Amino acid sequence: MNTWFAPGRANLMGEHTDYNGGMVLPFALAQGVTATVAGRADGLLVMRSKQMTGNPVVVDVTRLSPGSVRGWAAYPAGVAWALTAAGYPAGGADIDIDSDLPVGAGVSSSAAVECSVALALCELSGFALERRELAAIARRAENDFVGAPTGMIDQYAALLCQAGHAMLLDCGTQRIRQVPFDPVRAGLVALVIDTRVTHALVNGEYAARRAECEEAARHLGVPSLGALVTAVAATASESESFGQAVERALSRLADPVLRRRARHVICDSWRARQIADALDAAAEPGTFERIGQLLTEGHASLRDDFEVSWAEADVTVATARAAGALGAKMVGGGFGGSVLALVPAERLAKVRAAVAEELAGRSMEAPGFLEAVPAPAARRLA
């Protein structure tokens, strides 16, 4: 028997950019998912979760196929299927899941399940996989077995982030750059505000956005929208801003919806790189004010260009900023979940109270609050 922990994640910048080959800038949370796994000789997967009803879920590991398991158990079962498909056959096992992450809050609880289970099953079976390979296997579990068309950010964050850092990941090249991110040392709080609106990525809206991005890339003659980020930056000049260069590059897109989708992907990737550069130079005056501004710009892009925000997130962002946050944005795939706000510590109580009061005044659900500290990646507990 062995026990592994994988963290959730928050994303400073880069939403819907990962499957477009763009830039993302996540950091791991201290909260996450624990998987305790013991071998079985009968070839069965017996899956239990302390947070879910209907336990246990029992399946024959040799009969797993995409769509054969539904609900929460599809994630650990999908990992066993994906490992086997990759040439690392998983045998029968008891899998016990525990979590202190909110489900459907945009903090990657599903990837935390996948990565903790993947590490535990690999150890149980004697497989020593490099973490990038394991991230790809866990992503395949979510994409092909569960049916959620997500990108790579969640699994990479769970397996490769470092404590006290955010991770700039180029999803086109898989190059990683760890950048220091210690909000507490800067007198700040990275506040995750759960709006209590549950999102689900196995739905038509998420898939529709991905299809729109792929269509935009085809019209522009590039393999992915992320491929345009460096090219656009290279064409910008002293007399032309990055935003103007983007508009010029997208002028060939006649469809205004596709143009908006492409603009978000390119600009959010650029903002991720800008924040990473700012964090590397964090001693400069005004650094975190600039980062806060970029967070808010990112939210506006997700709301207006990518159209994945929701009413509670928009209210939370506006209220947090009015109460003293340096900036705020929705995190995750959208249509529900959480907001990340960068808040000076002395204004934390005011921001929390203002958000709770504003949401209550609009008859919206009471929010949850989590003070996020950049934490280490997945690790063995016992």
Protein backbone atom coordinates (compact mmCIF):
# COMPACT_ATOMS: atom_id res chain seq x y z
CA MET A 1 0.00 0.00 0.00
CA ASN A 2 1.23 3.51 -0.79
CA THR A 3 -0.17 7.02 -0.48
CA TRP A 4 0.47 9.91 -2.87
CA PHE A 5 -0.70 13.51 -2.82
CA ALA A 6 -1.20 15.75 -5.87
CA PRO A 7 -2.08 19.44 -5.54
CA GLY A 8 -4.75 21.54 -7.15
CA ARG A 9 -3.66 24.65 -8.98
CA ALA A 10 -4.52 28.26 -9.58
CA ASN A 11 -3.55 30.02 -12.76
CA LEU A 12 -2.06 33.49 -12.76
CA MET A 13 -2.58 33.75 -16.49
CA GLY A 14 -3.28 31.65 -19.58
CA GLU A 15 -6.82 30.26 -19.68
CA HIS A 16 -7.76 28.20 -22.77
CA THR A 17 -4.24 28.78 -24.11
CA ASP A 18 -2.84 25.32 -23.32
CA TYR A 19 -4.74 23.36 -25.97
CA ASN A 20 -3.84 26.17 -28.38
CA GLY A 21 -0.10 25.69 -27.88
CA GLY A 22 0.19 28.97 -25.98
CA MET A 23 1.61 30.08 -22.63
CA VAL A 24 0.25 29.30 -19.16
CA LEU A 25 1.42 30.43 -15.73
CA PRO A 26 -0.01 28.20 -12.98
CA PHE A 27 1.11 27.56 -9.41
CA ALA A 28 0.34 24.57 -7.21
CA LEU A 29 -1.89 24.89 -4.16
CA ALA A 30 -1.25 23.43 -0.72
CA GLN A 31 -4.65 21.76 -1.02
CA GLY A 32 -5.12 18.69 -3.18
CA VAL A 33 -6.04 15.02 -3.48
CA THR A 34 -4.63 12.01 -1.66
CA ALA A 35 -4.74 8.54 -3.23
CA THR A 36 -4.02 5.44 -1.14
CA VAL A 37 -3.59 2.36 -3.30
CA ALA A 38 -3.16 -1.31 -2.46
CA GLY A 39 -2.87 -4.21 -4.89
CA ARG A 40 -5.57 -6.83 -5.50
CA ALA A 41 -5.12 -10.28 -7.02
CA ASP A 42 -8.60 -10.50 -8.54
CA GLY A 43 -8.11 -7.88 -11.31
CA LEU A 44 -10.72 -5.52 -9.92
CA LEU A 45 -10.48 -1.79 -9.35
CA VAL A 46 -12.36 -0.97 -6.16
CA MET A 47 -12.63 2.83 -5.92
CA ARG A 48 -13.81 4.82 -2.93
CA SER A 49 -13.97 8.55 -2.24
CA LYS A 50 -14.60 10.18 1.12
CA GLN A 51 -16.28 13.10 -0.65
CA MET A 52 -18.61 11.19 -2.98
CA THR A 53 -21.68 9.05 -2.53
CA GLY A 54 -22.25 5.64 -4.09
CA ASN A 55 -19.05 4.05 -2.82
CA PRO A 56 -17.44 1.77 -3.73
CA VAL A 57 -17.34 1.69 -7.52
CA VAL A 58 -16.07 -1.70 -8.72
CA VAL A 59 -14.87 -2.47 -12.27
CA ASP A 60 -12.78 -5.13 -13.96
CA VAL A 61 -9.50 -3.50 -14.97
CA THR A 62 -9.32 -5.64 -18.12
CA ARG A 63 -12.70 -4.38 -19.36
CA LEU A 64 -12.06 -0.65 -19.14
CA SER A 65 -12.86 1.39 -22.22
CA PRO A 66 -13.72 5.06 -22.83
CA GLY A 67 -17.17 5.78 -21.46
CA SER A 68 -17.39 2.53 -19.49
CA VAL A 69 -17.23 4.35 -16.13
CA ARG A 70 -19.17 7.50 -15.31
CA GLY A 71 -19.01 10.16 -12.60
CA TRP A 72 -16.10 10.74 -10.24
CA ALA A 73 -14.76 7.18 -10.60
CA ALA A 74 -14.08 7.74 -14.31
CA TYR A 75 -10.96 9.74 -13.38
CA PRO A 76 -9.06 7.05 -11.41
CA ALA A 77 -10.38 4.32 -13.73
CA GLY A 78 -9.25 6.37 -16.73
CA VAL A 79 -5.73 6.52 -15.32
CA ALA A 80 -5.57 2.71 -15.07
CA TRP A 81 -6.83 2.49 -18.67
CA ALA A 82 -4.37 5.11 -19.97
CA LEU A 83 -1.40 3.51 -18.20
CA THR A 84 -2.26 0.15 -19.73
CA ALA A 85 -2.70 1.71 -23.18
CA ALA A 86 0.76 3.29 -22.85
CA GLY A 87 2.36 -0.07 -22.12
CA TYR A 88 2.30 0.07 -18.33
CA PRO A 89 -0.43 -2.42 -17.42
CA ALA A 90 -2.25 -1.64 -14.20
CA GLY A 91 -3.50 -4.62 -12.23
CA GLY A 92 -6.32 -4.81 -9.73
CA ALA A 93 -6.21 -2.31 -6.89
CA ASP A 94 -8.09 -0.75 -4.02
CA ILE A 95 -8.04 3.02 -4.57
CA ASP A 96 -9.11 5.31 -1.74
CA ILE A 97 -9.47 9.01 -2.56
CA ASP A 98 -9.55 11.92 -0.13
CA SER A 99 -9.53 15.62 -0.99
CA ASP A 100 -9.66 19.07 0.54
CA LEU A 101 -10.23 20.75 -2.85
CA PRO A 102 -13.64 22.09 -3.84
CA VAL A 103 -15.04 20.13 -6.80
CA GLY A 104 -15.94 22.13 -9.91
CA ALA A 105 -14.26 25.28 -8.61
CA GLY A 106 -11.72 25.66 -11.41
CA VAL A 107 -8.76 24.58 -9.26
CA SER A 108 -8.12 21.32 -11.12
CA SER A 109 -9.46 18.72 -8.71
CA SER A 110 -9.82 16.20 -11.55
CA ALA A 111 -6.15 16.39 -12.53
CA ALA A 112 -5.15 16.09 -8.86
CA VAL A 113 -7.10 12.82 -8.72
CA GLU A 114 -5.49 11.59 -11.93
CA CYS A 115 -1.93 12.45 -10.93
CA SER A 116 -2.10 11.11 -7.38
CA VAL A 117 -3.61 7.84 -8.64
CA ALA A 118 -1.11 7.61 -11.51
CA LEU A 119 1.86 7.95 -9.20
CA ALA A 120 0.44 5.44 -6.74
CA LEU A 121 -0.39 2.86 -9.43
CA CYS A 122 3.05 3.25 -11.01
CA GLU A 123 4.76 2.61 -7.70
CA LEU A 124 2.48 -0.35 -6.99
CA SER A 125 3.35 -1.88 -10.38
CA GLY A 126 7.04 -1.01 -10.28
CA PHE A 127 7.01 1.54 -13.14
CA ALA A 128 9.35 4.54 -12.93
CA LEU A 129 7.96 7.11 -15.37
CA GLU A 130 9.38 10.55 -16.05
CA ARG A 131 6.86 13.13 -14.89
CA ARG A 132 6.27 14.69 -18.28
CA GLU A 133 5.34 11.27 -19.65
CA LEU A 134 3.06 10.70 -16.67
CA ALA A 135 1.41 14.08 -17.28
CA ALA A 136 0.64 13.02 -20.86
CA ILE A 137 -0.86 9.74 -19.65
CA ALA A 138 -3.01 11.49 -17.04
CA ARG A 139 -4.17 13.97 -19.67
CA ARG A 140 -5.13 11.11 -21.97
CA ALA A 141 -7.25 9.67 -19.16
CA GLU A 142 -9.19 12.94 -18.99
CA ASN A 143 -9.39 13.55 -22.75
CA ASP A 144 -10.05 10.07 -24.12
CA PHE A 145 -11.55 8.11 -21.23
CA VAL A 146 -13.57 10.78 -19.42
CA GLY A 147 -14.24 12.81 -22.57
CA ALA A 148 -13.14 16.26 -21.38
CA PRO A 149 -11.17 18.02 -24.19
CA THR A 150 -8.76 19.81 -21.85
CA GLY A 151 -5.17 20.88 -22.47
CA MET A 152 -2.02 20.01 -20.55
CA ILE A 153 -1.84 22.74 -17.89
CA ASP A 154 -3.53 20.87 -15.05
CA GLN A 155 -1.43 17.71 -15.14
CA TYR A 156 1.82 19.62 -15.69
CA ALA A 157 1.03 21.90 -12.74
CA ALA A 158 0.21 18.97 -10.44
CA LEU A 159 3.40 17.12 -11.33
CA LEU A 160 6.01 19.82 -12.03
CA CYS A 161 5.31 23.03 -10.08
CA GLN A 162 7.73 24.12 -7.35
CA ALA A 163 7.09 25.65 -3.93
CA GLY A 164 7.36 29.43 -3.93
CA HIS A 165 7.15 29.60 -7.70
CA ALA A 166 4.78 29.91 -10.61
CA MET A 167 5.58 27.82 -13.67
CA LEU A 168 5.66 29.40 -17.12
CA LEU A 169 4.86 26.58 -19.52
CA ASP A 170 5.05 26.95 -23.29
CA CYS A 171 2.46 24.39 -24.33
CA GLY A 172 3.76 24.39 -27.89
CA THR A 173 7.29 23.32 -26.98
CA GLN A 174 6.71 21.98 -23.41
CA ARG A 175 9.51 24.23 -22.20
CA ILE A 176 9.22 25.17 -18.53
CA ARG A 177 10.53 28.18 -16.66
CA GLN A 178 10.08 28.39 -12.90
CA VAL A 179 9.66 31.98 -11.72
CA PRO A 180 9.64 33.10 -8.08
CA PHE A 181 6.18 33.88 -6.75
CA ASP A 182 5.92 34.53 -3.01
CA PRO A 183 2.94 36.82 -2.42
CA VAL A 184 3.25 36.65 1.38
CA ARG A 185 6.81 37.97 1.26
CA ALA A 186 5.53 40.86 -0.86
CA GLY A 187 2.82 41.66 1.69
CA LEU A 188 0.10 40.20 -0.54
CA VAL A 189 -2.45 37.40 -0.50
CA ALA A 190 -3.31 35.33 -3.56
CA LEU A 191 -6.97 34.91 -2.68
CA VAL A 192 -8.99 32.19 -4.41
CA ILE A 193 -12.68 33.03 -4.22
CA ASP A 194 -14.98 30.09 -4.96
CA THR A 195 -18.22 31.49 -6.38
CA ARG A 196 -19.97 28.15 -5.65
CA VAL A 197 -21.12 27.96 -9.26
CA THR A 198 -19.99 24.47 -10.27
CA HIS A 199 -18.54 24.06 -13.72
CA ALA A 200 -18.22 20.94 -15.82
CA LEU A 201 -15.81 20.66 -18.73
CA VAL A 202 -17.54 17.64 -20.27
CA ASN A 203 -20.01 19.85 -22.07
CA GLY A 204 -20.62 21.50 -25.41
CA GLU A 205 -19.42 25.02 -24.57
CA TYR A 206 -15.83 24.04 -23.78
CA ALA A 207 -15.61 21.84 -26.87
CA ALA A 208 -17.13 24.63 -28.97
CA ARG A 209 -14.42 27.08 -27.90
CA ARG A 210 -11.74 24.58 -28.81
CA ALA A 211 -13.29 23.98 -32.22
CA GLU A 212 -13.51 27.75 -32.85
CA CYS A 213 -9.83 28.15 -32.03
CA GLU A 214 -8.88 25.32 -34.36
CA GLU A 215 -10.95 26.88 -37.14
CA ALA A 216 -9.29 30.27 -36.58
CA ALA A 217 -5.86 28.65 -36.80
CA ARG A 218 -6.80 26.96 -40.09
CA HIS A 219 -7.93 30.26 -41.59
CA LEU A 220 -4.67 31.89 -40.48
CA GLY A 221 -2.54 29.06 -41.85
CA VAL A 222 -0.85 28.11 -38.57
CA PRO A 223 -0.81 24.78 -36.69
CA SER A 224 -2.12 26.46 -33.54
CA LEU A 225 -2.92 29.96 -32.34
CA GLY A 226 -0.08 29.81 -29.84
CA ALA A 227 2.36 29.74 -32.76
CA LEU A 228 1.44 33.36 -33.50
CA VAL A 229 2.51 34.81 -30.14
CA THR A 230 6.24 35.10 -30.84
CA ALA A 231 5.64 36.06 -34.46
CA VAL A 232 3.29 38.89 -33.51
CA ALA A 233 5.68 40.14 -30.84
CA ALA A 234 8.49 40.20 -33.37
CA THR A 235 6.50 42.42 -35.74
CA ALA A 236 5.52 44.99 -33.10
CA SER A 237 7.61 48.13 -33.27
CA GLU A 238 8.21 51.24 -31.18
CA SER A 239 5.28 52.91 -32.93
CA GLU A 240 2.96 49.89 -32.66
CA SER A 241 1.77 48.21 -29.47
CA PHE A 242 1.46 44.45 -29.08
CA GLY A 243 -2.32 44.83 -29.22
CA GLN A 244 -2.11 46.73 -32.52
CA ALA A 245 0.19 44.07 -33.93
CA VAL A 246 -2.37 41.41 -32.92
CA GLU A 247 -5.16 43.27 -34.71
CA ARG A 248 -3.04 43.52 -37.84
CA ALA A 249 -2.21 39.79 -37.70
CA LEU A 250 -5.88 38.86 -37.29
CA SER A 251 -7.20 41.18 -40.01
CA ARG A 252 -7.51 38.17 -42.35
CA LEU A 253 -10.16 36.62 -40.09
CA ALA A 254 -13.48 37.82 -41.47
CA ASP A 255 -15.56 36.10 -38.79
CA PRO A 256 -15.72 38.45 -35.75
CA VAL A 257 -16.26 35.53 -33.34
CA LEU A 258 -13.14 33.71 -34.54
CA ARG A 259 -11.21 36.98 -34.37
CA ARG A 260 -12.21 37.46 -30.74
CA ARG A 261 -11.28 33.89 -29.82
CA ALA A 262 -7.87 34.20 -31.48
CA ARG A 263 -7.23 37.60 -29.89
CA HIS A 264 -7.83 36.16 -26.44
CA VAL A 265 -5.47 33.22 -26.94
CA ILE A 266 -2.64 35.35 -28.30
CA CYS A 267 -3.00 38.14 -25.75
CA ASP A 268 -3.46 35.83 -22.74
CA SER A 269 -0.28 33.99 -23.71
CA TRP A 270 1.52 37.31 -23.99
CA ARG A 271 0.19 38.39 -20.58
CA ALA A 272 1.49 35.12 -19.06
CA ARG A 273 4.96 35.89 -20.40
CA GLN A 274 4.77 39.48 -19.16
CA ILE A 275 3.81 38.38 -15.66
CA ALA A 276 6.63 35.83 -15.59
CA ASP A 277 9.12 38.51 -16.64
CA ALA A 278 7.74 40.87 -13.97
CA LEU A 279 8.08 38.19 -11.27
CA ASP A 280 11.71 37.64 -12.28
CA ALA A 281 12.23 41.38 -11.66
CA ALA A 282 9.99 41.62 -8.59
CA ALA A 283 12.26 44.13 -6.83
CA GLU A 284 11.26 46.85 -9.28
CA PRO A 285 8.71 49.40 -8.01
CA GLY A 286 5.16 48.85 -9.16
CA THR A 287 5.73 45.22 -10.16
CA PHE A 288 2.70 43.77 -8.40
CA GLU A 289 0.49 46.69 -9.37
CA ARG A 290 1.33 45.89 -12.99
CA ILE A 291 0.64 42.18 -12.42
CA GLY A 292 -2.72 43.09 -10.89
CA GLN A 293 -3.56 45.16 -13.96
CA LEU A 294 -2.70 42.21 -16.21
CA LEU A 295 -4.93 39.91 -14.15
CA THR A 296 -7.86 42.25 -14.65
CA GLU A 297 -7.12 42.58 -18.37
CA GLY A 298 -7.11 38.79 -18.56
CA HIS A 299 -10.54 38.61 -16.99
CA ALA A 300 -11.96 41.16 -19.41
CA SER A 301 -10.59 39.10 -22.29
CA LEU A 302 -12.16 35.92 -20.95
CA ARG A 303 -15.46 37.73 -20.43
CA ASP A 304 -15.66 39.65 -23.71
CA ASP A 305 -13.47 37.87 -26.28
CA PHE A 306 -13.69 34.26 -25.16
CA GLU A 307 -17.10 34.53 -23.49
CA VAL A 308 -16.55 31.95 -20.76
CA SER A 309 -17.11 34.07 -17.66
CA TRP A 310 -20.29 34.02 -15.56
CA ALA A 311 -22.22 36.61 -13.57
CA GLU A 312 -20.84 35.73 -10.13
CA ALA A 313 -17.26 35.94 -11.41
CA ASP A 314 -17.81 39.34 -13.01
CA VAL A 315 -19.37 40.68 -9.79
CA THR A 316 -16.56 39.22 -7.69
CA VAL A 317 -13.81 40.70 -9.87
CA ALA A 318 -15.37 44.17 -9.91
CA THR A 319 -16.12 44.15 -6.17
CA ALA A 320 -12.69 42.86 -5.16
CA ARG A 321 -10.98 45.57 -7.20
CA ALA A 322 -13.22 48.29 -5.78
CA ALA A 323 -12.39 47.09 -2.26
CA GLY A 324 -8.64 47.30 -2.81
CA ALA A 325 -7.43 44.22 -4.72
CA LEU A 326 -4.62 44.98 -7.15
CA GLY A 327 -6.37 42.84 -9.76
CA ALA A 328 -8.55 39.78 -10.20
CA LYS A 329 -9.59 37.26 -12.83
CA MET A 330 -11.60 34.07 -13.23
CA VAL A 331 -9.54 30.87 -13.26
CA GLY A 332 -10.15 27.57 -14.98
CA GLY A 333 -12.25 26.65 -17.98
CA GLY A 334 -15.10 29.02 -17.15
CA PHE A 335 -18.89 28.85 -16.89
CA GLY A 336 -18.44 28.49 -13.13
CA GLY A 337 -15.65 28.07 -10.60
CA SER A 338 -13.36 30.54 -8.89
CA VAL A 339 -11.76 33.97 -9.09
CA LEU A 340 -8.13 34.69 -8.20
CA ALA A 341 -7.53 38.10 -6.61
CA LEU A 342 -4.16 39.63 -5.69
CA VAL A 343 -4.83 41.51 -2.47
CA PRO A 344 -2.58 43.60 -0.17
CA ALA A 345 -2.65 41.83 3.20
CA GLU A 346 -3.95 44.89 5.02
CA ARG A 347 -6.98 45.00 2.71
CA LEU A 348 -7.82 41.30 2.88
CA ALA A 349 -10.63 41.56 5.43
CA LYS A 350 -12.21 44.44 3.52
CA VAL A 351 -12.08 42.56 0.20
CA ARG A 352 -13.57 39.40 1.68
CA ALA A 353 -16.37 41.29 3.40
CA ALA A 354 -17.16 43.37 0.33
CA VAL A 355 -17.37 40.35 -1.97
CA ALA A 356 -19.54 38.38 0.46
CA GLU A 357 -21.86 41.34 0.98
CA GLU A 358 -22.20 42.12 -2.73
CA LEU A 359 -22.97 38.53 -3.69
CA ALA A 360 -25.52 38.23 -0.86
CA GLY A 361 -27.17 41.48 -1.96
CA ARG A 362 -27.67 39.95 -5.41
CA SER A 363 -29.10 36.71 -3.96
CA MET A 364 -26.03 34.80 -5.15
CA GLU A 365 -24.40 31.94 -3.25
CA ALA A 366 -22.07 32.80 -0.35
CA PRO A 367 -18.48 32.48 -1.60
CA GLY A 368 -15.68 30.37 -0.20
CA PHE A 369 -12.23 31.84 0.40
CA LEU A 370 -8.83 30.18 0.19
CA GLU A 371 -5.53 31.99 0.81
CA ALA A 372 -3.33 30.31 -1.78
CA VAL A 373 0.37 29.71 -1.11
CA PRO A 374 2.50 28.42 -4.03
CA ALA A 375 3.22 24.84 -2.99
CA PRO A 376 5.28 21.86 -4.22
CA ALA A 377 4.13 19.36 -6.84
CA ALA A 378 2.85 15.83 -6.25
CA ARG A 379 4.71 13.76 -3.71
CA ARG A 380 4.64 10.50 -1.74
CA LEU A 381 3.14 10.75 1.75
CA ALA A 382 3.49 7.19 3.03
